[in-house]
Amino acid sequence: MSRQGYFINNLSGYKSFNPSPLQEIEKLLNLDKETLNLIIEIHKNMTKINTMSELIPDSDLFLYSYVYKEALESSRIEGTECTMEDIFSNINKNGFEHGKNINDIKETISNIKAIEEGIKLLEHLPLCTRFFKEIHKVLLNNVRGENKNPGELRTTQNWIGGNNISNATFIPPNIDDMNVASNELDKYINNDKSDVDSLIKTALIHYQFETIHPFLDGNGRLGRIIILLHLIQEKILLKPNVYMSYFLKINQLEYYHRLMDVRLNDRYEEYIKFFLLCLRDTTTSVINKITSINDLHKKILSILPTTNRQKNSYEIVFNYIEQNPIFTIKEIQKKMKLSYNTVNTIVEYFKNLKILILKDNVKRNRVYVYEEYIDLFKDV
């Protein structure tokens, strides 16, 4: 048996792939000096991120926005068309009223809810197939894949690429092999006696999950969520603020190539190095982003009126705007329980300072945008 696994002839005439257990693979890895240096660099970045995250005035604000950004980029890898403006316009609304690509927006917001559900689940359940089913159920709720057994492992053969199984790029394990491989993956994830660094383990888990492809739909998005959740479970991350999808998206062709290169040519080491390079770039970006958000937050606070009573109302409104950078005055009034005139005065103050821009100039329910903040998440 080759190190990566082997292809099996099935009765229907196709060849499915059966991956080797990761417990055996990690013992055979031969990582070069560059890869080992990447591990050291990433751990340093993670430590810095954990420290900086504690210093952010409103860490939830940063986490919300980064979760949104991750969901957006992960969905884009799957071909959806959605923007940060679409997410901020719809995430806290009843129904989906803003944006042209409603199905794409719904899919991205389901991705956000799946990430949030996964973070909550970690408090009482370790990563395992049962865990993945629970997230998958949320991920495919009320979206285009909802007819593909949300929360249930597949009971039929799937494939990747091509119009049908006969011309597929890759055919994951058949049902029997999938069940065995999923059980083995559960054992590996929660094996405390692993001989490799946790970052290497994260890379291997992501590869194995994508190779097993245990669901009919949503495997790519769920597999990328698992990266974050494993970093948290391993206590490398204290808060959920490191997401790789942006860098996997801009290196999408190589990303898919590296996964296939392991399956076909046993090139685990090359895949791991690619994974770590993306993770290194991700952590560097997060450090820069935390700094930018912090600087912007302080800049706005420094120009608020100095009267205590005024400042309290201004800060209340500003805190709302940071978490909801696309909004109407009525939304703030209702949520923060302030008078319309008070909110209107404060919003006009921010608008005159060009902190806010008026997006929709209508008589009722005018929409304002905190554009400078949203721009921080348009690229990395």
Protein backbone atom coordinates (compact mmCIF):
# COMPACT_ATOMS: atom_id res chain seq x y z
CA MET A 1 0.00 0.00 0.00
CA SER A 2 1.34 3.42 -0.92
CA ARG A 3 1.71 6.06 1.77
CA GLN A 4 -1.21 8.19 0.58
CA GLY A 5 -3.71 5.34 0.10
CA TYR A 6 -5.00 3.51 -2.97
CA PHE A 7 -7.74 3.40 -5.60
CA ILE A 8 -10.38 0.69 -5.45
CA ASN A 9 -12.34 -0.79 -8.35
CA ASN A 10 -16.04 -0.64 -7.54
CA LEU A 11 -18.80 -2.81 -8.99
CA SER A 12 -20.23 0.11 -10.93
CA GLY A 13 -16.98 0.44 -12.87
CA TYR A 14 -15.43 3.53 -11.23
CA LYS A 15 -12.35 3.79 -9.03
CA SER A 16 -12.78 5.44 -5.63
CA PHE A 17 -9.89 6.53 -3.44
CA ASN A 18 -9.29 5.12 0.03
CA PRO A 19 -6.86 7.31 2.05
CA SER A 20 -4.38 5.88 4.51
CA PRO A 21 -4.97 6.61 8.24
CA LEU A 22 -3.19 9.75 9.40
CA GLN A 23 -1.76 7.92 12.42
CA GLU A 24 0.54 6.12 10.01
CA ILE A 25 1.23 9.09 7.74
CA GLU A 26 2.56 11.43 10.43
CA LYS A 27 5.25 8.91 11.36
CA LEU A 28 6.59 8.95 7.79
CA LEU A 29 6.76 12.70 7.21
CA ASN A 30 10.11 14.22 6.24
CA LEU A 31 9.79 17.98 6.75
CA ASP A 32 12.55 20.28 5.53
CA LYS A 33 14.10 23.21 7.40
CA GLU A 34 11.91 25.79 5.66
CA THR A 35 8.78 24.01 6.86
CA LEU A 36 10.10 23.76 10.41
CA ASN A 37 10.92 27.48 10.38
CA LEU A 38 7.40 28.23 9.18
CA ILE A 39 6.02 26.36 12.18
CA ILE A 40 8.11 28.48 14.55
CA GLU A 41 7.08 31.71 12.80
CA ILE A 42 3.37 30.84 12.88
CA HIS A 43 3.45 29.96 16.57
CA LYS A 44 5.05 33.35 17.29
CA ASN A 45 2.34 35.05 15.26
CA MET A 46 -0.37 33.11 17.08
CA THR A 47 1.04 34.17 20.45
CA LYS A 48 1.07 37.79 19.31
CA ILE A 49 -2.51 37.54 18.05
CA ASN A 50 -3.67 36.07 21.37
CA THR A 51 -2.03 38.94 23.23
CA MET A 52 -3.27 41.67 20.88
CA SER A 53 -6.82 40.29 20.92
CA GLU A 54 -7.03 40.90 24.64
CA LEU A 55 -6.18 44.58 24.07
CA ILE A 56 -8.88 45.32 21.49
CA PRO A 57 -11.48 47.64 23.09
CA ASP A 58 -14.32 45.55 21.68
CA SER A 59 -12.95 42.15 20.72
CA ASP A 60 -16.40 40.92 19.69
CA LEU A 61 -16.48 43.62 17.03
CA PHE A 62 -13.30 42.28 15.47
CA LEU A 63 -14.47 38.68 15.73
CA TYR A 64 -17.82 39.39 14.11
CA SER A 65 -16.20 41.10 11.16
CA TYR A 66 -13.56 38.44 10.67
CA VAL A 67 -16.17 35.68 10.83
CA TYR A 68 -18.07 37.54 8.11
CA LYS A 69 -14.94 37.90 6.01
CA GLU A 70 -14.13 34.20 6.38
CA ALA A 71 -17.62 33.11 5.41
CA LEU A 72 -17.50 35.42 2.41
CA GLU A 73 -14.18 34.10 1.08
CA SER A 74 -15.02 30.46 1.82
CA SER A 75 -18.28 30.81 -0.09
CA ARG A 76 -16.48 32.55 -2.96
CA ILE A 77 -14.23 29.52 -3.36
CA GLU A 78 -17.44 27.60 -4.05
CA GLY A 79 -18.49 30.15 -6.69
CA THR A 80 -20.90 32.45 -4.87
CA GLU A 81 -21.04 36.19 -5.60
CA CYS A 82 -21.47 38.23 -2.45
CA THR A 83 -19.85 41.28 -0.81
CA MET A 84 -19.15 42.49 2.71
CA GLU A 85 -21.80 45.15 2.13
CA ASP A 86 -24.33 42.41 1.35
CA ILE A 87 -23.51 40.64 4.61
CA PHE A 88 -23.64 43.74 6.80
CA SER A 89 -26.91 44.78 5.15
CA ASN A 90 -28.60 41.45 5.85
CA ILE A 91 -26.99 39.66 8.79
CA ASN A 92 -29.18 41.17 11.53
CA LYS A 93 -32.30 41.72 9.45
CA ASN A 94 -35.49 39.71 9.30
CA GLY A 95 -35.50 38.32 5.80
CA PHE A 96 -33.13 39.23 2.97
CA GLU A 97 -33.97 42.61 1.53
CA HIS A 98 -30.65 43.95 0.30
CA GLY A 99 -28.44 42.75 -2.55
CA LYS A 100 -29.12 41.16 -5.92
CA ASN A 101 -27.71 37.69 -5.27
CA ILE A 102 -30.11 36.62 -2.54
CA ASN A 103 -29.23 32.90 -2.75
CA ASP A 104 -25.52 33.68 -2.49
CA ILE A 105 -26.15 35.98 0.46
CA LYS A 106 -28.23 33.33 2.23
CA GLU A 107 -25.49 30.75 1.63
CA THR A 108 -22.80 33.04 3.03
CA ILE A 109 -24.87 33.91 6.11
CA SER A 110 -25.51 30.19 6.71
CA ASN A 111 -21.74 29.81 6.61
CA ILE A 112 -21.45 32.50 9.30
CA LYS A 113 -24.01 30.74 11.48
CA ALA A 114 -22.16 27.43 11.03
CA ILE A 115 -18.91 29.01 12.25
CA GLU A 116 -20.70 30.49 15.27
CA GLU A 117 -22.36 27.15 16.02
CA GLY A 118 -19.01 25.36 15.81
CA ILE A 119 -17.43 27.77 18.30
CA LYS A 120 -20.29 27.15 20.74
CA LEU A 121 -20.14 23.37 20.29
CA LEU A 122 -16.45 23.29 21.19
CA GLU A 123 -17.43 24.19 24.75
CA HIS A 124 -18.88 20.72 25.33
CA LEU A 125 -18.05 18.49 22.36
CA PRO A 126 -14.67 17.63 20.78
CA LEU A 127 -14.19 17.64 17.03
CA CYS A 128 -15.55 14.40 15.58
CA THR A 129 -18.04 13.15 13.01
CA ARG A 130 -20.95 13.87 15.35
CA PHE A 131 -19.65 17.45 15.68
CA PHE A 132 -19.32 17.81 11.91
CA LYS A 133 -22.91 16.66 11.40
CA GLU A 134 -24.19 19.36 13.72
CA ILE A 135 -22.30 22.13 11.89
CA HIS A 136 -23.27 20.72 8.50
CA LYS A 137 -26.93 20.90 9.49
CA VAL A 138 -26.56 24.65 10.09
CA LEU A 139 -24.39 25.18 7.02
CA LEU A 140 -27.01 23.79 4.63
CA ASN A 141 -30.07 25.19 6.37
CA ASN A 142 -32.37 27.09 3.99
CA VAL A 143 -29.83 27.25 1.16
CA ARG A 144 -29.37 25.56 -2.21
CA GLY A 145 -27.89 22.39 -0.71
CA GLU A 146 -30.74 21.85 1.75
CA ASN A 147 -32.04 18.91 -0.32
CA LYS A 148 -28.72 17.08 0.13
CA ASN A 149 -29.27 15.59 3.58
CA PRO A 150 -28.04 18.35 5.93
CA GLY A 151 -26.39 16.85 9.00
CA GLU A 152 -26.20 13.35 7.54
CA LEU A 153 -23.25 11.48 6.05
CA ARG A 154 -23.74 10.59 2.44
CA THR A 155 -25.22 7.21 1.56
CA THR A 156 -24.38 7.44 -2.14
CA GLN A 157 -21.16 7.96 -4.04
CA ASN A 158 -20.12 11.55 -4.77
CA TRP A 159 -17.36 12.95 -6.95
CA ILE A 160 -15.36 16.14 -7.54
CA GLY A 161 -15.10 17.83 -10.93
CA GLY A 162 -16.62 16.64 -14.19
CA ASN A 163 -20.24 16.39 -15.29
CA ASN A 164 -20.65 12.86 -13.98
CA ILE A 165 -18.72 10.13 -12.23
CA SER A 166 -17.27 8.80 -15.48
CA ASN A 167 -15.25 11.98 -16.13
CA ALA A 168 -14.75 13.11 -12.54
CA THR A 169 -11.47 14.69 -11.46
CA PHE A 170 -11.54 12.78 -8.19
CA ILE A 171 -13.83 10.16 -6.63
CA PRO A 172 -13.75 10.04 -2.80
CA PRO A 173 -14.06 6.79 -0.80
CA ASN A 174 -17.06 4.56 -1.37
CA ILE A 175 -19.59 4.40 1.48
CA ASP A 176 -17.97 1.54 3.41
CA ASP A 177 -14.50 3.03 3.11
CA MET A 178 -15.84 6.49 3.97
CA ASN A 179 -17.31 5.23 7.25
CA VAL A 180 -14.06 3.51 8.20
CA ALA A 181 -11.97 6.56 7.23
CA SER A 182 -14.27 8.90 9.19
CA ASN A 183 -13.89 6.76 12.31
CA GLU A 184 -10.13 6.76 11.89
CA LEU A 185 -10.15 10.55 11.46
CA ASP A 186 -12.12 10.92 14.71
CA LYS A 187 -9.48 8.90 16.54
CA TYR A 188 -6.65 10.90 15.02
CA ILE A 189 -8.14 14.32 15.80
CA ASN A 190 -8.51 13.45 19.47
CA ASN A 191 -5.29 11.50 19.90
CA ASP A 192 -3.27 13.42 22.50
CA LYS A 193 -0.17 11.34 21.81
CA SER A 194 0.44 12.62 18.28
CA ASP A 195 4.13 13.03 17.45
CA VAL A 196 3.79 16.05 15.17
CA ASP A 197 3.26 19.73 15.89
CA SER A 198 -0.40 20.80 16.16
CA LEU A 199 -0.09 22.96 13.04
CA ILE A 200 1.00 19.94 11.00
CA LYS A 201 -1.87 17.99 12.51
CA THR A 202 -4.31 20.73 11.46
CA ALA A 203 -3.02 20.56 7.88
CA LEU A 204 -3.35 16.78 7.79
CA ILE A 205 -6.88 16.85 9.24
CA HIS A 206 -8.00 19.36 6.62
CA TYR A 207 -6.54 17.25 3.82
CA GLN A 208 -8.11 14.06 5.14
CA PHE A 209 -11.56 15.57 5.61
CA GLU A 210 -11.57 16.99 2.08
CA THR A 211 -10.39 13.64 0.72
CA ILE A 212 -13.06 11.64 2.57
CA HIS A 213 -15.71 14.17 1.43
CA PRO A 214 -18.28 12.67 3.81
CA PHE A 215 -21.27 14.85 2.84
CA LEU A 216 -23.11 15.31 -0.44
CA ASP A 217 -22.55 19.07 -0.33
CA GLY A 218 -20.70 21.65 1.75
CA ASN A 219 -17.49 19.65 2.29
CA GLY A 220 -15.21 22.50 1.20
CA ARG A 221 -16.82 25.13 3.42
CA LEU A 222 -17.04 22.76 6.38
CA GLY A 223 -13.45 21.62 5.92
CA ARG A 224 -12.23 25.20 6.11
CA ILE A 225 -14.27 25.82 9.27
CA ILE A 226 -12.60 22.77 10.81
CA ILE A 227 -9.18 24.45 10.39
CA LEU A 228 -10.19 27.24 12.78
CA LEU A 229 -11.93 24.90 15.22
CA HIS A 230 -8.94 22.59 15.48
CA LEU A 231 -6.61 25.52 16.22
CA ILE A 232 -8.96 26.48 19.06
CA GLN A 233 -9.31 22.92 20.33
CA GLU A 234 -5.53 22.61 20.41
CA LYS A 235 -5.39 25.91 22.38
CA ILE A 236 -3.15 27.51 19.80
CA LEU A 237 -5.81 30.20 19.44
CA LEU A 238 -7.62 31.72 22.40
CA LYS A 239 -10.23 33.48 20.27
CA PRO A 240 -11.69 32.59 16.86
CA ASN A 241 -9.85 35.15 14.76
CA VAL A 242 -7.62 33.26 12.32
CA TYR A 243 -9.30 32.26 9.06
CA MET A 244 -7.48 30.96 6.00
CA SER A 245 -10.06 31.16 3.22
CA TYR A 246 -8.86 34.48 1.78
CA PHE A 247 -5.38 33.11 1.10
CA LEU A 248 -6.75 29.77 -0.07
CA LYS A 249 -9.00 31.73 -2.43
CA ILE A 250 -6.21 33.80 -3.99
CA ASN A 251 -4.17 30.59 -4.34
CA GLN A 252 -7.18 28.49 -5.30
CA LEU A 253 -5.67 26.62 -8.24
CA GLU A 254 -2.59 25.67 -6.25
CA TYR A 255 -4.79 24.76 -3.26
CA TYR A 256 -6.71 22.20 -5.31
CA HIS A 257 -3.52 21.03 -7.01
CA ARG A 258 -1.77 20.41 -3.68
CA LEU A 259 -4.67 18.33 -2.38
CA MET A 260 -4.74 16.21 -5.54
CA ASP A 261 -0.96 15.91 -5.59
CA VAL A 262 -1.08 14.12 -2.25
CA ARG A 263 -3.74 11.68 -3.45
CA LEU A 264 -2.01 10.94 -6.73
CA ASN A 265 1.68 11.41 -5.98
CA ASP A 266 2.16 11.07 -2.21
CA ARG A 267 3.37 14.67 -1.84
CA TYR A 268 2.32 15.34 1.74
CA GLU A 269 5.35 17.48 2.51
CA GLU A 270 4.70 19.87 -0.38
CA TYR A 271 1.02 20.21 0.61
CA ILE A 272 1.94 20.86 4.25
CA LYS A 273 4.39 23.59 3.27
CA PHE A 274 1.75 25.25 1.07
CA PHE A 275 -0.79 25.05 3.91
CA LEU A 276 1.67 26.59 6.35
CA LEU A 277 2.60 29.38 3.95
CA CYS A 278 -1.08 30.31 3.68
CA LEU A 279 -1.45 30.11 7.45
CA ARG A 280 1.67 32.26 7.94
CA ASP A 281 0.28 34.91 5.58
CA THR A 282 -3.10 34.68 7.34
CA THR A 283 -1.64 35.27 10.80
CA THR A 284 0.47 38.17 9.56
CA SER A 285 -2.65 39.70 8.03
CA VAL A 286 -4.60 39.28 11.27
CA ILE A 287 -1.89 41.12 13.23
CA ASN A 288 -2.03 44.01 10.75
CA LYS A 289 -5.82 44.00 10.80
CA ILE A 290 -6.06 44.14 14.58
CA THR A 291 -3.71 47.12 14.54
CA SER A 292 -5.78 48.91 11.86
CA ILE A 293 -9.08 48.31 13.65
CA ASN A 294 -7.66 49.48 16.94
CA ASP A 295 -6.24 52.63 15.36
CA LEU A 296 -9.53 53.44 13.63
CA HIS A 297 -11.51 52.86 16.84
CA LYS A 298 -9.25 55.20 18.80
CA LYS A 299 -9.34 57.84 16.07
CA ILE A 300 -13.14 58.03 16.10
CA LEU A 301 -13.35 58.04 19.91
CA SER A 302 -10.89 60.92 20.04
CA ILE A 303 -13.20 63.21 18.06
CA LEU A 304 -16.40 62.54 19.98
CA PRO A 305 -17.86 65.47 21.96
CA THR A 306 -16.31 65.84 25.41
CA THR A 307 -19.47 66.51 27.45
CA ASN A 308 -20.06 63.39 29.51
CA ARG A 309 -23.77 63.15 28.75
CA GLN A 310 -23.21 63.70 25.05
CA LYS A 311 -20.27 61.35 24.93
CA ASN A 312 -22.29 58.55 26.47
CA SER A 313 -24.96 58.77 23.75
CA TYR A 314 -22.36 59.20 21.02
CA GLU A 315 -20.42 56.16 22.21
CA ILE A 316 -23.58 54.07 22.40
CA VAL A 317 -24.42 54.95 18.79
CA PHE A 318 -20.82 54.49 17.65
CA ASN A 319 -20.63 51.04 19.27
CA TYR A 320 -23.75 50.04 17.36
CA ILE A 321 -22.35 51.38 14.10
CA GLU A 322 -19.11 49.42 14.53
CA GLN A 323 -21.08 46.17 14.80
CA ASN A 324 -23.60 47.21 12.12
CA PRO A 325 -21.72 49.44 9.67
CA ILE A 326 -24.68 49.57 7.27
CA PHE A 327 -27.79 50.78 9.08
CA THR A 328 -30.81 53.05 9.29
CA ILE A 329 -31.60 55.53 12.06
CA LYS A 330 -34.72 53.57 12.99
CA GLU A 331 -32.63 50.42 13.52
CA ILE A 332 -30.37 52.20 16.02
CA GLN A 333 -33.34 53.88 17.70
CA LYS A 334 -35.11 50.56 18.22
CA LYS A 335 -32.05 48.56 19.25
CA MET A 336 -30.41 51.11 21.55
CA LYS A 337 -33.69 52.58 22.92
CA LEU A 338 -32.77 56.19 22.09
CA SER A 339 -35.02 58.90 20.72
CA TYR A 340 -35.14 59.43 16.97
CA ASN A 341 -33.91 63.01 17.32
CA THR A 342 -30.93 61.94 19.43
CA VAL A 343 -29.86 59.28 16.96
CA ASN A 344 -30.46 61.57 13.98
CA THR A 345 -28.32 64.32 15.55
CA ILE A 346 -25.45 61.91 16.24
CA VAL A 347 -25.61 60.31 12.80
CA GLU A 348 -25.58 63.74 11.15
CA TYR A 349 -22.55 64.64 13.29
CA PHE A 350 -20.69 61.58 11.99
CA LYS A 351 -21.88 62.26 8.45
CA ASN A 352 -20.61 65.86 8.51
CA LEU A 353 -17.22 64.55 9.63
CA LYS A 354 -17.33 62.10 6.69
CA ILE A 355 -17.19 59.16 9.07
CA LEU A 356 -20.49 58.01 7.60
CA ILE A 357 -21.77 58.29 4.06
CA LEU A 358 -25.40 58.31 2.98
CA LYS A 359 -25.97 55.30 0.75
CA ASP A 360 -29.69 55.61 -0.03
CA ASN A 361 -31.01 59.19 0.12
CA VAL A 362 -34.73 58.54 0.47
CA LYS A 363 -37.28 60.24 2.66
CA ARG A 364 -37.74 57.25 4.92
CA ASN A 365 -35.26 54.67 6.18
CA ARG A 366 -32.17 56.33 4.75
CA VAL A 367 -29.25 53.90 4.74
CA TYR A 368 -25.88 55.02 6.13
CA VAL A 369 -22.52 53.29 5.69
CA TYR A 370 -19.42 53.29 7.90
CA GLU A 371 -17.32 52.83 4.80
CA GLU A 372 -13.84 53.23 6.27
CA TYR A 373 -14.47 50.25 8.54
CA ILE A 374 -15.92 48.04 5.82
CA ASP A 375 -12.93 48.89 3.60
CA LEU A 376 -10.64 47.25 6.15
CA PHE A 377 -12.18 43.89 5.25
CA LYS A 378 -12.39 44.26 1.49
CA ASP A 379 -8.87 42.94 1.17
CA VAL A 380 -6.22 41.66 3.54
